[in-house]
Amino acid sequence: MDSDNELFEDLEALEAIELINNRRLFTRPRIYRERSKDFVKYDDKDFFIRYRLSKESVLFILQEIENQLEFNDDRNNSVPPINQVLCALRFYATGNQLMSVADLNGISVATCSRIVKRVSQAIVSLRREFIRFPDIEVEQHIVKEEFYRIARFPNVLGCIDCTHIKIQSPGGDDAELFRNRKSYMSINMQTISTAKLLITDVVARWPGSTHDSTIYQNSQRYTKFEHGDYRGNYLLGDSGYPLKSHLLTPYLNPVSRGQQKYNEAHIKTRNVVERQYGVLKRRFPVLAVGIRLQLPTAINVILACCVLHNICIIRKEHEPINDGTIPNLEELIVNGQIPQIPITVNDPTYGFQRNQITQYFDNL
């Protein structure tokens, strides 16, 4: 019996050796491709077209996150931080498959995937610095003044809306929760925008089937407003949100002159959040085309693009134009704006503030 066991052990050892030898025969030698030198290769105009940011802004971002991207040594031909940043930006700016971005940057697909994940995490670490709600009174006064100049709507701290970011199926038992009303898989992202299109609050974790109002009423910003942290100030939302003392929605059937003027001012003012989504998705078309990455990485890509969007606004970057390099981009942007079923709230407590603002417009 012992001899039989020894025989089987010898056979297993021989099979293992044979398997290792076969792998060595069919494994390709490591290929070191020539790295892209786009930062030097392109002039400012061509660089902006390809990366959606100026060289100066790329260097600013690199300075902020370089310590998170450096390797301890140069073994295995490690990718320098500047190349990592450019690789991720190219992915955001084109929405291409990883293979195309990898080929453009002279790296493997696996390396490209790791870089996009790593750089996105690094950019998201800047979220608290660049995505900030106006909590200080001085900041609130500036934001309210900017909104007032649009259509004389008073005491507005932000305009709120949601947009859908297409993703691949995350798999698992809950995968169908991500299928939205237009039948594609998505994350329903909520943002609050200023009149200058700055994103002051972002929530990007809810499945595409989730109603906009559910996202807001489970957000930290909602809790702060309900606790009276921004008393006397308002958010503007469409009819997919519930009317609240701090969240003003339009009249579904305006009758009086005051209600009509209220709706006109509401629409003009709230338009900034829709414009913000248009600029965001033109600047980073991956948010319009769709993200074919694992769910946690896809969420980080979304948040990273929001951080970069604010950096571009702060640094007064030019708004990118749709030059036709991405087919049907405008159609894809519109496709992400899925109207929600209007919510009607008859509670007079919630309608009191709206009635006051309506009287204000009636007297203008």
Protein backbone atom coordinates (compact mmCIF):
# COMPACT_ATOMS: atom_id res chain seq x y z
CA MET A 1 0.00 0.00 0.00
CA ASP A 2 2.84 2.39 0.86
CA SER A 3 4.51 1.66 -2.46
CA ASP A 4 1.28 2.59 -4.29
CA ASN A 5 1.12 5.95 -2.48
CA GLU A 6 4.76 6.61 -3.34
CA LEU A 7 4.02 5.81 -6.99
CA PHE A 8 1.11 8.29 -7.13
CA GLU A 9 3.24 10.99 -5.48
CA ASP A 10 6.00 10.44 -8.05
CA LEU A 11 3.49 10.66 -10.92
CA GLU A 12 2.01 13.93 -9.54
CA ALA A 13 5.50 15.38 -9.24
CA LEU A 14 6.30 14.43 -12.86
CA GLU A 15 3.02 15.98 -14.07
CA ALA A 16 3.79 19.21 -12.20
CA ILE A 17 7.26 19.40 -13.76
CA GLU A 18 5.82 18.74 -17.22
CA LEU A 19 3.18 21.49 -16.72
CA ILE A 20 5.84 24.01 -15.69
CA ASN A 21 7.98 23.16 -18.72
CA ASN A 22 5.00 23.54 -21.06
CA ARG A 23 4.19 26.93 -19.60
CA ARG A 24 7.77 28.02 -20.15
CA LEU A 25 7.59 26.92 -23.77
CA PHE A 26 4.39 28.84 -24.54
CA THR A 27 4.94 31.94 -22.36
CA ARG A 28 5.99 34.94 -24.42
CA PRO A 29 8.98 36.95 -23.29
CA ARG A 30 8.13 40.29 -21.67
CA ILE A 31 7.73 43.03 -24.24
CA TYR A 32 8.87 46.56 -23.43
CA ARG A 33 7.03 49.00 -25.68
CA GLU A 34 8.10 52.54 -26.40
CA ARG A 35 6.35 54.87 -23.97
CA SER A 36 4.25 57.73 -25.27
CA LYS A 37 5.77 61.22 -25.04
CA ASP A 38 2.62 63.18 -25.79
CA PHE A 39 3.40 65.92 -23.30
CA VAL A 40 6.35 66.95 -25.47
CA LYS A 41 5.07 65.68 -28.79
CA TYR A 42 1.92 67.83 -29.07
CA ASP A 43 1.54 71.59 -28.97
CA ASP A 44 -0.95 73.17 -26.55
CA LYS A 45 -3.92 73.00 -28.94
CA ASP A 46 -3.46 69.37 -30.00
CA PHE A 47 -2.73 68.35 -26.42
CA PHE A 48 -5.99 69.93 -25.19
CA ILE A 49 -7.99 68.20 -27.94
CA ARG A 50 -6.64 64.80 -26.91
CA TYR A 51 -6.63 65.18 -23.12
CA ARG A 52 -9.35 67.83 -22.50
CA LEU A 53 -7.00 69.70 -20.16
CA SER A 54 -4.18 72.15 -20.74
CA LYS A 55 -0.60 71.15 -20.00
CA GLU A 56 -0.54 73.61 -17.09
CA SER A 57 -3.55 71.95 -15.46
CA VAL A 58 -2.07 68.50 -15.98
CA LEU A 59 1.10 69.61 -14.19
CA PHE A 60 -1.06 71.08 -11.39
CA ILE A 61 -2.88 67.75 -10.96
CA LEU A 62 0.40 65.85 -11.12
CA GLN A 63 1.81 67.99 -8.33
CA GLU A 64 -1.25 67.21 -6.17
CA ILE A 65 -1.14 63.41 -6.55
CA GLU A 66 2.42 62.57 -7.65
CA ASN A 67 3.37 61.18 -4.22
CA GLN A 68 0.59 58.59 -4.59
CA LEU A 69 1.78 57.44 -8.01
CA GLU A 70 5.54 57.11 -7.51
CA PHE A 71 7.20 53.72 -7.26
CA ASN A 72 10.00 52.97 -4.80
CA ASP A 73 12.34 51.97 -7.61
CA ASP A 74 12.45 51.57 -11.39
CA ARG A 75 12.33 47.79 -11.49
CA ASN A 76 10.20 46.18 -14.22
CA ASN A 77 10.30 49.43 -16.22
CA SER A 78 7.76 51.17 -13.96
CA VAL A 79 5.52 53.83 -15.52
CA PRO A 80 6.41 57.41 -14.45
CA PRO A 81 3.66 59.43 -12.68
CA ILE A 82 3.22 61.82 -15.63
CA ASN A 83 2.59 58.89 -17.99
CA GLN A 84 0.11 57.41 -15.52
CA VAL A 85 -1.84 60.66 -15.34
CA LEU A 86 -1.89 61.01 -19.13
CA CYS A 87 -3.03 57.41 -19.53
CA ALA A 88 -6.00 57.94 -17.19
CA LEU A 89 -6.88 61.28 -18.80
CA ARG A 90 -6.83 59.69 -22.24
CA PHE A 91 -9.28 57.06 -20.98
CA TYR A 92 -11.58 59.74 -19.53
CA ALA A 93 -11.31 61.86 -22.68
CA THR A 94 -12.05 59.16 -25.24
CA GLY A 95 -14.16 56.51 -23.57
CA ASN A 96 -12.21 53.96 -25.59
CA GLN A 97 -11.61 50.39 -24.58
CA LEU A 98 -8.57 49.81 -22.40
CA MET A 99 -6.76 48.09 -25.27
CA SER A 100 -6.89 51.25 -27.41
CA VAL A 101 -5.68 53.46 -24.55
CA ALA A 102 -2.94 50.96 -23.71
CA ASP A 103 -1.69 50.92 -27.31
CA LEU A 104 -1.67 54.72 -27.43
CA ASN A 105 0.44 54.85 -24.28
CA GLY A 106 2.80 51.98 -25.08
CA ILE A 107 1.74 49.75 -22.17
CA SER A 108 -0.12 46.47 -21.73
CA VAL A 109 -3.87 46.27 -21.18
CA ALA A 110 -3.35 44.94 -17.64
CA THR A 111 -1.02 47.83 -16.81
CA CYS A 112 -3.48 50.32 -18.30
CA SER A 113 -6.29 48.90 -16.16
CA ARG A 114 -4.19 49.18 -12.99
CA ILE A 115 -3.14 52.74 -13.87
CA VAL A 116 -6.72 53.95 -14.48
CA LYS A 117 -7.72 52.45 -11.14
CA ARG A 118 -4.72 53.92 -9.32
CA VAL A 119 -4.91 57.42 -10.80
CA SER A 120 -8.69 57.59 -10.27
CA GLN A 121 -8.25 56.73 -6.59
CA ALA A 122 -5.56 59.39 -6.27
CA ILE A 123 -7.74 62.07 -7.87
CA VAL A 124 -10.71 61.10 -5.69
CA SER A 125 -8.51 61.75 -2.64
CA LEU A 126 -8.71 65.45 -3.64
CA ARG A 127 -12.51 65.41 -3.37
CA ARG A 128 -12.78 67.29 -0.07
CA GLU A 129 -10.52 70.02 -1.37
CA PHE A 130 -12.26 70.66 -4.70
CA ILE A 131 -15.89 69.58 -4.17
CA ARG A 132 -17.17 71.72 -1.33
CA PHE A 133 -20.67 72.90 -0.47
CA PRO A 134 -20.83 76.60 0.59
CA ASP A 135 -21.06 76.16 4.36
CA ILE A 136 -19.51 79.52 5.28
CA GLU A 137 -21.78 82.59 5.21
CA VAL A 138 -19.42 84.55 2.96
CA GLU A 139 -19.36 81.72 0.42
CA GLN A 140 -23.15 81.40 0.58
CA HIS A 141 -23.60 85.10 -0.13
CA ILE A 142 -21.43 84.85 -3.26
CA VAL A 143 -23.28 81.77 -4.55
CA LYS A 144 -26.71 83.31 -3.91
CA GLU A 145 -25.69 86.53 -5.65
CA GLU A 146 -24.54 84.60 -8.74
CA PHE A 147 -27.86 82.74 -8.93
CA TYR A 148 -29.87 85.93 -8.39
CA ARG A 149 -28.28 87.52 -11.45
CA ILE A 150 -29.73 84.80 -13.69
CA ALA A 151 -33.46 85.36 -13.11
CA ARG A 152 -33.74 87.19 -9.76
CA PHE A 153 -34.51 84.00 -7.83
CA PRO A 154 -33.55 84.74 -4.19
CA ASN A 155 -31.56 82.68 -1.67
CA VAL A 156 -30.57 79.80 -3.96
CA LEU A 157 -27.58 77.76 -2.75
CA GLY A 158 -27.61 75.24 -5.58
CA CYS A 159 -29.53 73.44 -8.29
CA ILE A 160 -29.91 69.68 -8.00
CA ASP A 161 -30.45 66.98 -10.60
CA CYS A 162 -29.40 63.45 -11.53
CA THR A 163 -27.86 61.91 -14.62
CA HIS A 164 -27.23 58.31 -15.65
CA ILE A 165 -23.71 57.00 -16.28
CA LYS A 166 -23.72 53.85 -18.39
CA ILE A 167 -21.78 50.89 -16.96
CA GLN A 168 -21.33 47.22 -17.75
CA SER A 169 -23.41 44.77 -15.76
CA PRO A 170 -21.87 44.43 -12.29
CA GLY A 171 -23.04 40.82 -12.07
CA GLY A 172 -24.40 39.13 -8.98
CA ASP A 173 -27.94 38.75 -7.67
CA ASP A 174 -28.60 42.50 -7.62
CA ALA A 175 -27.37 43.26 -11.14
CA GLU A 176 -30.87 44.10 -12.47
CA LEU A 177 -31.17 46.94 -9.96
CA PHE A 178 -28.72 48.83 -12.19
CA ARG A 179 -31.03 48.62 -15.22
CA ASN A 180 -32.72 52.01 -15.63
CA ARG A 181 -35.98 53.04 -17.30
CA LYS A 182 -34.24 53.14 -20.71
CA SER A 183 -33.16 49.51 -20.23
CA TYR A 184 -29.40 49.97 -19.97
CA MET A 185 -27.20 49.43 -16.91
CA SER A 186 -26.22 52.63 -15.16
CA ILE A 187 -25.31 54.48 -11.99
CA ASN A 188 -27.73 57.29 -11.19
CA MET A 189 -25.43 60.17 -10.17
CA GLN A 190 -26.74 63.20 -8.29
CA THR A 191 -24.96 66.56 -8.23
CA ILE A 192 -25.65 70.03 -6.90
CA SER A 193 -24.32 72.84 -9.09
CA THR A 194 -23.57 76.54 -8.69
CA ALA A 195 -24.32 79.21 -11.27
CA LYS A 196 -20.71 78.88 -12.48
CA LEU A 197 -21.23 75.12 -13.07
CA LEU A 198 -19.10 74.08 -10.08
CA ILE A 199 -20.13 70.79 -8.52
CA THR A 200 -20.63 71.39 -4.79
CA ASP A 201 -22.03 67.97 -3.89
CA VAL A 202 -21.99 64.60 -5.63
CA VAL A 203 -23.52 61.21 -4.85
CA ALA A 204 -22.46 58.42 -7.23
CA ARG A 205 -23.28 55.04 -5.77
CA TRP A 206 -26.95 54.33 -6.46
CA PRO A 207 -28.18 51.82 -9.11
CA GLY A 208 -29.84 53.15 -12.23
CA SER A 209 -33.32 52.02 -11.18
CA THR A 210 -33.28 54.29 -8.11
CA HIS A 211 -35.58 57.32 -8.19
CA ASP A 212 -33.93 60.74 -7.94
CA SER A 213 -35.92 61.61 -4.81
CA THR A 214 -34.72 58.45 -3.05
CA ILE A 215 -31.10 59.38 -3.69
CA TYR A 216 -31.59 62.88 -2.31
CA GLN A 217 -33.55 61.85 0.78
CA ASN A 218 -30.79 59.40 1.70
CA SER A 219 -27.99 61.90 1.21
CA GLN A 220 -25.92 63.79 3.77
CA ARG A 221 -26.93 67.13 2.22
CA TYR A 222 -30.63 66.37 2.77
CA THR A 223 -29.95 65.61 6.44
CA LYS A 224 -28.13 68.92 6.88
CA PHE A 225 -30.96 70.89 5.27
CA GLU A 226 -33.56 69.06 7.38
CA HIS A 227 -31.61 69.86 10.53
CA GLY A 228 -31.73 73.56 9.65
CA ASP A 229 -28.04 74.03 8.81
CA TYR A 230 -28.96 76.24 5.83
CA ARG A 231 -32.09 77.87 7.18
CA GLY A 232 -33.66 80.43 4.84
CA ASN A 233 -31.80 79.11 1.77
CA TYR A 234 -33.01 76.80 -0.98
CA LEU A 235 -32.12 74.20 -3.55
CA LEU A 236 -33.96 74.13 -6.88
CA GLY A 237 -35.01 70.78 -8.32
CA ASP A 238 -37.31 69.52 -11.07
CA SER A 239 -40.67 67.87 -10.51
CA GLY A 240 -38.98 64.51 -9.93
CA TYR A 241 -38.05 65.76 -6.45
CA PRO A 242 -40.49 66.23 -3.57
CA LEU A 243 -41.42 69.77 -2.61
CA LYS A 244 -39.69 70.57 0.70
CA SER A 245 -39.23 73.65 2.84
CA HIS A 246 -35.65 73.83 1.51
CA LEU A 247 -36.16 72.26 -1.95
CA LEU A 248 -38.34 74.24 -4.35
CA THR A 249 -39.88 72.55 -7.38
CA PRO A 250 -41.91 74.06 -10.26
CA TYR A 251 -45.71 74.17 -10.38
CA LEU A 252 -47.03 71.31 -12.50
CA ASN A 253 -50.03 73.39 -13.62
CA PRO A 254 -49.30 77.10 -13.07
CA VAL A 255 -52.44 79.22 -13.02
CA SER A 256 -51.74 82.67 -11.63
CA ARG A 257 -49.34 85.27 -13.02
CA GLY A 258 -47.10 84.81 -9.99
CA GLN A 259 -46.92 81.02 -10.51
CA GLN A 260 -46.05 81.47 -14.17
CA LYS A 261 -43.30 83.98 -13.40
CA TYR A 262 -42.05 81.67 -10.62
CA ASN A 263 -41.82 78.76 -13.07
CA GLU A 264 -40.02 80.88 -15.68
CA ALA A 265 -37.41 82.03 -13.16
CA HIS A 266 -37.13 78.51 -11.74
CA ILE A 267 -36.46 76.98 -15.17
CA LYS A 268 -33.89 79.63 -16.15
CA THR A 269 -32.06 79.30 -12.86
CA ARG A 270 -32.16 75.51 -12.64
CA ASN A 271 -30.85 75.19 -16.19
CA VAL A 272 -27.31 75.54 -14.83
CA VAL A 273 -27.25 71.96 -13.53
CA GLU A 274 -28.27 70.61 -16.95
CA ARG A 275 -25.55 72.73 -18.57
CA GLN A 276 -23.09 71.43 -16.00
CA TYR A 277 -23.83 67.83 -17.04
CA GLY A 278 -23.35 68.76 -20.69
CA VAL A 279 -19.96 70.34 -20.04
CA LEU A 280 -18.92 67.47 -17.75
CA LYS A 281 -19.72 64.80 -20.34
CA ARG A 282 -18.21 66.70 -23.27
CA ARG A 283 -15.03 67.17 -21.29
CA PHE A 284 -14.91 63.52 -20.22
CA PRO A 285 -16.87 61.49 -22.80
CA VAL A 286 -16.28 58.24 -20.90
CA LEU A 287 -19.24 59.41 -18.76
CA ALA A 288 -21.43 59.54 -21.88
CA VAL A 289 -20.10 56.55 -23.79
CA GLY A 290 -20.02 54.21 -20.79
CA ILE A 291 -17.53 52.69 -18.38
CA ARG A 292 -16.53 49.06 -18.88
CA LEU A 293 -14.73 48.53 -15.58
CA GLN A 294 -15.52 46.82 -12.31
CA LEU A 295 -18.14 48.71 -10.30
CA PRO A 296 -15.85 50.17 -7.55
CA THR A 297 -13.41 51.45 -10.19
CA ALA A 298 -16.27 52.82 -12.33
CA ILE A 299 -17.53 54.82 -9.33
CA ASN A 300 -14.04 56.21 -8.75
CA VAL A 301 -13.78 57.20 -12.42
CA ILE A 302 -17.07 59.13 -12.10
CA LEU A 303 -15.92 60.92 -8.94
CA ALA A 304 -12.48 61.63 -10.42
CA CYS A 305 -14.09 63.27 -13.46
CA CYS A 306 -16.20 65.46 -11.13
CA VAL A 307 -13.06 66.56 -9.25
CA LEU A 308 -11.27 67.31 -12.53
CA HIS A 309 -14.32 69.22 -13.80
CA ASN A 310 -14.14 71.54 -10.79
CA ILE A 311 -10.40 72.00 -11.22
CA CYS A 312 -11.04 73.02 -14.84
CA ILE A 313 -13.71 75.54 -13.77
CA ILE A 314 -11.47 76.99 -11.04
CA ARG A 315 -8.51 77.24 -13.40
CA LYS A 316 -10.73 78.73 -16.15
CA GLU A 317 -10.06 75.98 -18.68
CA HIS A 318 -11.80 76.30 -22.04
CA GLU A 319 -14.96 74.27 -22.44
CA PRO A 320 -14.33 71.40 -24.88
CA ILE A 321 -16.37 71.35 -28.06
CA ASN A 322 -17.85 68.33 -29.76
CA ASP A 323 -15.50 67.99 -32.73
CA GLY A 324 -17.13 64.83 -34.06
CA THR A 325 -14.36 62.47 -32.95
CA ILE A 326 -16.90 60.64 -30.77
CA PRO A 327 -19.98 59.72 -32.82
CA ASN A 328 -23.41 60.61 -31.38
CA LEU A 329 -21.88 62.26 -28.30
CA GLU A 330 -24.71 64.80 -27.97
CA GLU A 331 -27.29 62.04 -28.30
CA LEU A 332 -25.52 60.02 -25.61
CA ILE A 333 -25.47 63.05 -23.29
CA VAL A 334 -29.22 63.58 -23.74
CA ASN A 335 -29.82 59.85 -23.27
CA GLY A 336 -28.39 60.10 -19.75
CA GLN A 337 -31.04 62.63 -18.68
CA ILE A 338 -33.98 60.38 -17.81
CA PRO A 339 -37.05 62.34 -16.59
CA GLN A 340 -38.58 61.02 -13.39
CA ILE A 341 -42.27 60.67 -12.63
CA PRO A 342 -43.42 63.98 -11.09
CA ILE A 343 -44.00 63.93 -7.34
CA THR A 344 -46.99 65.80 -5.92
CA VAL A 345 -46.89 66.84 -2.27
CA ASN A 346 -50.01 68.49 -0.85
CA ASP A 347 -48.66 69.15 2.63
CA PRO A 348 -49.15 72.93 3.18
CA THR A 349 -46.05 73.00 5.41
CA TYR A 350 -43.85 72.23 2.41
CA GLY A 351 -45.73 74.61 0.11
CA PHE A 352 -45.44 77.65 2.39
CA GLN A 353 -41.96 78.70 1.20
CA ARG A 354 -42.92 78.21 -2.44
CA ASN A 355 -46.02 80.35 -1.95
CA GLN A 356 -43.88 83.09 -0.42
CA ILE A 357 -41.49 83.06 -3.37
CA THR A 358 -44.50 83.04 -5.73
CA GLN A 359 -45.84 86.20 -4.07
CA TYR A 360 -42.40 87.75 -4.42
CA PHE A 361 -42.47 87.16 -8.20
CA ASP A 362 -46.07 88.33 -8.42
CA ASN A 363 -44.95 91.69 -6.98
CA LEU A 364 -41.97 92.13 -9.34
